[in-house]
Protein backbone atom coordinates (compact mmCIF):
# COMPACT_ATOMS: atom_id res chain seq x y z
CA UNK A 1 0.00 0.00 0.00
CA UNK A 2 1.15 3.51 -0.76
CA UNK A 3 0.32 6.31 1.67
CA UNK A 4 -0.50 9.75 0.30
CA UNK A 5 -0.26 12.46 2.95
CA UNK A 6 -2.03 15.70 2.06
CA UNK A 7 -2.18 19.19 3.50
CA UNK A 8 -3.28 22.48 2.05
CA UNK A 9 0.00 23.87 3.38
CA UNK A 10 2.32 21.81 1.17
CA UNK A 11 2.48 19.43 -1.75
CA UNK A 12 1.42 15.80 -1.35
CA UNK A 13 3.86 13.36 0.22
CA UNK A 14 3.90 9.74 -0.93
CA UNK A 15 5.45 7.01 1.24
CA UNK A 16 5.62 3.25 1.03
CA UNK A 17 3.63 1.35 3.62
CA UNK A 18 6.48 0.24 5.90
CA UNK A 19 8.13 3.62 6.46
CA UNK A 20 4.77 5.43 6.65
CA UNK A 21 3.40 3.05 9.27
CA UNK A 22 6.61 3.27 11.31
CA UNK A 23 6.34 7.06 11.36
CA UNK A 24 2.64 6.99 12.19
CA UNK A 25 3.30 4.61 15.08
CA UNK A 26 6.10 6.84 16.39
CA UNK A 27 3.82 9.88 16.44
CA UNK A 28 1.05 7.93 18.16
CA UNK A 29 -1.33 7.54 15.23
CA UNK A 30 -2.96 4.28 14.23
CA UNK A 31 -1.70 3.17 10.80
CA UNK A 32 -4.57 2.62 8.44
CA UNK A 33 -6.20 3.49 5.18
CA UNK A 34 -7.47 6.86 6.51
CA UNK A 35 -6.42 9.30 9.14
CA UNK A 36 -5.87 12.86 10.22
CA UNK A 37 -3.40 14.82 12.29
CA UNK A 38 -5.21 17.89 13.56
CA UNK A 39 -3.22 21.13 13.85
CA UNK A 40 -3.43 20.99 17.66
CA UNK A 41 -1.73 17.57 17.63
CA UNK A 42 1.06 18.53 15.23
CA UNK A 43 3.51 19.95 17.84
CA UNK A 44 3.47 16.68 19.77
CA UNK A 45 3.83 14.68 16.54
CA UNK A 46 6.87 16.76 15.58
CA UNK A 47 8.39 16.34 19.04
CA UNK A 48 7.89 12.56 19.07
CA UNK A 49 9.27 12.06 15.58
CA UNK A 50 12.25 14.36 16.14
CA UNK A 51 13.03 12.56 19.42
CA UNK A 52 12.98 9.18 17.64
CA UNK A 53 15.27 10.50 14.91
CA UNK A 54 17.65 11.97 17.50
CA UNK A 55 17.69 8.71 19.48
CA UNK A 56 18.51 6.66 16.38
CA UNK A 57 21.20 9.12 15.28
CA UNK A 58 22.75 9.09 18.77
CA UNK A 59 22.71 5.28 18.90
CA UNK A 60 24.36 5.03 15.48
CA UNK A 61 27.03 7.52 16.55
CA UNK A 62 27.75 5.65 19.79
CA UNK A 63 28.04 2.35 17.96
CA UNK A 64 30.05 3.85 15.15
CA UNK A 65 27.47 2.34 12.85
CA UNK A 66 27.66 3.13 9.20
CA UNK A 67 24.22 3.84 7.79
CA UNK A 68 23.00 0.98 5.64
CA UNK A 69 19.92 1.65 3.66
CA UNK A 70 17.73 4.60 4.39
CA UNK A 71 17.73 5.82 7.98
CA UNK A 72 14.81 7.14 9.98
CA UNK A 73 16.44 10.56 9.73
CA UNK A 74 16.15 10.41 5.94
CA UNK A 75 12.63 8.96 5.95
CA UNK A 76 11.32 11.42 8.53
CA UNK A 77 12.72 14.63 7.02
CA UNK A 78 10.02 15.18 4.37
CA UNK A 79 7.29 14.22 6.85
CA UNK A 80 8.66 16.67 9.42
CA UNK A 81 8.69 19.38 6.75
CA UNK A 82 5.05 18.62 5.93
CA UNK A 83 4.13 18.76 9.62
CA UNK A 84 5.97 22.05 10.19
CA UNK A 85 4.41 23.74 7.18
CA UNK A 86 0.98 22.47 8.17
CA UNK A 87 1.46 23.78 11.69
CA UNK A 88 2.51 27.19 10.38
CA UNK A 89 -0.59 27.31 8.17
CA UNK A 90 -2.89 25.81 10.84
CA UNK A 91 -3.90 23.03 8.45
CA UNK A 92 -4.42 19.32 9.20
CA UNK A 93 -2.46 16.52 7.57
CA UNK A 94 -4.72 13.79 6.17
CA UNK A 95 -4.31 10.53 4.30
CA UNK A 96 -6.68 8.21 2.51
CA UNK A 97 -9.31 10.82 1.76
C-alpha atoms as a PDB file:
ATOM      1  CA  UNK A   1       0.000   0.000   0.000  1.00  0.00           C
ATOM      2  CA  UNK A   2       1.151   3.507  -0.761  1.00  0.00           C
ATOM      3  CA  UNK A   3       0.324   6.306   1.672  1.00  0.00           C
ATOM      4  CA  UNK A   4      -0.500   9.749   0.297  1.00  0.00           C
ATOM      5  CA  UNK A   5      -0.264  12.457   2.949  1.00  0.00           C
ATOM      6  CA  UNK A   6      -2.031  15.698   2.055  1.00  0.00           C
ATOM      7  CA  UNK A   7      -2.181  19.189   3.495  1.00  0.00           C
ATOM      8  CA  UNK A   8      -3.284  22.483   2.051  1.00  0.00           C
ATOM      9  CA  UNK A   9       0.000  23.874   3.383  1.00  0.00           C
ATOM     10  CA  UNK A  10       2.319  21.807   1.170  1.00  0.00           C
ATOM     11  CA  UNK A  11       2.483  19.429  -1.750  1.00  0.00           C
ATOM     12  CA  UNK A  12       1.417  15.796  -1.347  1.00  0.00           C
ATOM     13  CA  UNK A  13       3.858  13.365   0.222  1.00  0.00           C
ATOM     14  CA  UNK A  14       3.902   9.738  -0.928  1.00  0.00           C
ATOM     15  CA  UNK A  15       5.453   7.013   1.242  1.00  0.00           C
ATOM     16  CA  UNK A  16       5.622   3.250   1.028  1.00  0.00           C
ATOM     17  CA  UNK A  17       3.632   1.346   3.623  1.00  0.00           C
ATOM     18  CA  UNK A  18       6.483   0.238   5.895  1.00  0.00           C
ATOM     19  CA  UNK A  19       8.128   3.619   6.462  1.00  0.00           C
ATOM     20  CA  UNK A  20       4.770   5.430   6.650  1.00  0.00           C
ATOM     21  CA  UNK A  21       3.399   3.053   9.272  1.00  0.00           C
ATOM     22  CA  UNK A  22       6.606   3.272  11.305  1.00  0.00           C
ATOM     23  CA  UNK A  23       6.345   7.063  11.356  1.00  0.00           C
ATOM     24  CA  UNK A  24       2.636   6.993  12.191  1.00  0.00           C
ATOM     25  CA  UNK A  25       3.304   4.614  15.079  1.00  0.00           C
ATOM     26  CA  UNK A  26       6.098   6.845  16.390  1.00  0.00           C
ATOM     27  CA  UNK A  27       3.824   9.884  16.438  1.00  0.00           C
ATOM     28  CA  UNK A  28       1.053   7.935  18.160  1.00  0.00           C
ATOM     29  CA  UNK A  29      -1.333   7.544  15.229  1.00  0.00           C
ATOM     30  CA  UNK A  30      -2.958   4.277  14.229  1.00  0.00           C
ATOM     31  CA  UNK A  31      -1.704   3.169  10.804  1.00  0.00           C
ATOM     32  CA  UNK A  32      -4.573   2.617   8.437  1.00  0.00           C
ATOM     33  CA  UNK A  33      -6.203   3.487   5.181  1.00  0.00           C
ATOM     34  CA  UNK A  34      -7.471   6.855   6.506  1.00  0.00           C
ATOM     35  CA  UNK A  35      -6.424   9.303   9.139  1.00  0.00           C
ATOM     36  CA  UNK A  36      -5.866  12.864  10.215  1.00  0.00           C
ATOM     37  CA  UNK A  37      -3.400  14.818  12.287  1.00  0.00           C
ATOM     38  CA  UNK A  38      -5.213  17.886  13.561  1.00  0.00           C
ATOM     39  CA  UNK A  39      -3.223  21.133  13.854  1.00  0.00           C
ATOM     40  CA  UNK A  40      -3.432  20.995  17.662  1.00  0.00           C
ATOM     41  CA  UNK A  41      -1.728  17.569  17.630  1.00  0.00           C
ATOM     42  CA  UNK A  42       1.063  18.527  15.231  1.00  0.00           C
ATOM     43  CA  UNK A  43       3.514  19.953  17.836  1.00  0.00           C
ATOM     44  CA  UNK A  44       3.470  16.675  19.765  1.00  0.00           C
ATOM     45  CA  UNK A  45       3.833  14.675  16.541  1.00  0.00           C
ATOM     46  CA  UNK A  46       6.873  16.758  15.581  1.00  0.00           C
ATOM     47  CA  UNK A  47       8.395  16.336  19.041  1.00  0.00           C
ATOM     48  CA  UNK A  48       7.887  12.556  19.067  1.00  0.00           C
ATOM     49  CA  UNK A  49       9.274  12.057  15.575  1.00  0.00           C
ATOM     50  CA  UNK A  50      12.248  14.357  16.138  1.00  0.00           C
ATOM     51  CA  UNK A  51      13.034  12.560  19.417  1.00  0.00           C
ATOM     52  CA  UNK A  52      12.980   9.175  17.643  1.00  0.00           C
ATOM     53  CA  UNK A  53      15.266  10.499  14.912  1.00  0.00           C
ATOM     54  CA  UNK A  54      17.653  11.975  17.496  1.00  0.00           C
ATOM     55  CA  UNK A  55      17.686   8.710  19.480  1.00  0.00           C
ATOM     56  CA  UNK A  56      18.511   6.657  16.384  1.00  0.00           C
ATOM     57  CA  UNK A  57      21.204   9.125  15.285  1.00  0.00           C
ATOM     58  CA  UNK A  58      22.749   9.088  18.769  1.00  0.00           C
ATOM     59  CA  UNK A  59      22.713   5.280  18.899  1.00  0.00           C
ATOM     60  CA  UNK A  60      24.358   5.025  15.479  1.00  0.00           C
ATOM     61  CA  UNK A  61      27.033   7.520  16.547  1.00  0.00           C
ATOM     62  CA  UNK A  62      27.746   5.652  19.789  1.00  0.00           C
ATOM     63  CA  UNK A  63      28.043   2.355  17.963  1.00  0.00           C
ATOM     64  CA  UNK A  64      30.052   3.850  15.152  1.00  0.00           C
ATOM     65  CA  UNK A  65      27.466   2.336  12.846  1.00  0.00           C
ATOM     66  CA  UNK A  66      27.661   3.132   9.199  1.00  0.00           C
ATOM     67  CA  UNK A  67      24.220   3.839   7.795  1.00  0.00           C
ATOM     68  CA  UNK A  68      23.003   0.984   5.637  1.00  0.00           C
ATOM     69  CA  UNK A  69      19.920   1.646   3.658  1.00  0.00           C
ATOM     70  CA  UNK A  70      17.733   4.604   4.385  1.00  0.00           C
ATOM     71  CA  UNK A  71      17.734   5.818   7.980  1.00  0.00           C
ATOM     72  CA  UNK A  72      14.811   7.137   9.982  1.00  0.00           C
ATOM     73  CA  UNK A  73      16.437  10.561   9.730  1.00  0.00           C
ATOM     74  CA  UNK A  74      16.152  10.415   5.938  1.00  0.00           C
ATOM     75  CA  UNK A  75      12.631   8.963   5.954  1.00  0.00           C
ATOM     76  CA  UNK A  76      11.320  11.423   8.526  1.00  0.00           C
ATOM     77  CA  UNK A  77      12.718  14.633   7.022  1.00  0.00           C
ATOM     78  CA  UNK A  78      10.021  15.183   4.367  1.00  0.00           C
ATOM     79  CA  UNK A  79       7.291  14.216   6.846  1.00  0.00           C
ATOM     80  CA  UNK A  80       8.661  16.667   9.415  1.00  0.00           C
ATOM     81  CA  UNK A  81       8.687  19.375   6.745  1.00  0.00           C
ATOM     82  CA  UNK A  82       5.050  18.620   5.933  1.00  0.00           C
ATOM     83  CA  UNK A  83       4.133  18.760   9.620  1.00  0.00           C
ATOM     84  CA  UNK A  84       5.974  22.052  10.192  1.00  0.00           C
ATOM     85  CA  UNK A  85       4.414  23.735   7.176  1.00  0.00           C
ATOM     86  CA  UNK A  86       0.981  22.465   8.168  1.00  0.00           C
ATOM     87  CA  UNK A  87       1.464  23.780  11.692  1.00  0.00           C
ATOM     88  CA  UNK A  88       2.513  27.194  10.384  1.00  0.00           C
ATOM     89  CA  UNK A  89      -0.594  27.312   8.171  1.00  0.00           C
ATOM     90  CA  UNK A  90      -2.892  25.807  10.845  1.00  0.00           C
ATOM     91  CA  UNK A  91      -3.903  23.034   8.447  1.00  0.00           C
ATOM     92  CA  UNK A  92      -4.420  19.322   9.203  1.00  0.00           C
ATOM     93  CA  UNK A  93      -2.464  16.516   7.567  1.00  0.00           C
ATOM     94  CA  UNK A  94      -4.719  13.792   6.165  1.00  0.00           C
ATOM     95  CA  UNK A  95      -4.308  10.531   4.305  1.00  0.00           C
ATOM     96  CA  UNK A  96      -6.678   8.206   2.507  1.00  0.00           C
ATOM     97  CA  UNK A  97      -9.314  10.818   1.758  1.00  0.00           C
END
